[in-house]
Amino acid sequence: SNHICDMSVGDDVLITGPTGAEMLLPTDPEANIIMLATGTGIAPMRSYLRLLFHDKAGAASDGSRKFKGLAWLFMGVPYSKSLLYDDEHQVYKKEFPDQFKYDYAVSREDKNAAGQKMYIQTK
């Protein structure tokens, strides 16, 4: 932005962002979670998925996962080469077939039922 470009080294920068409960996972371990992401918007969803299915913080004391619900990811990208973290999603689907689903909408390669570009809202 021009604001940042016009700044000088040493200038103070005010940084703000979402606060509160906008992006928190439900506390109920059996909740169903639907995630919508486009392009690099997958980053916070990846963090959630890693917590639910991969990281130690999401593991129960008996080695199982604390999360018992269903996590369903809808991801939209223009081209299939832009499907970030697809390898991780495939692992989650293989290891947690009853708890993880994903659907991709590839707008420049897929068509919806009306023959138009496929977007996540029409998937």
Foldseek 3Di string as FASTA:
>chain_A
DVVVVPDDPPDDDDDDDDDDDPDDDDPPLADEAEEEEEQVSCVSVVVVCCLQPNDPVQADPVRHGSRDYAYEYEYEYQAPVRPPPVVVLVVCCVVPVPHYYYDYFHQNPDAAPVRHGTDSVRD
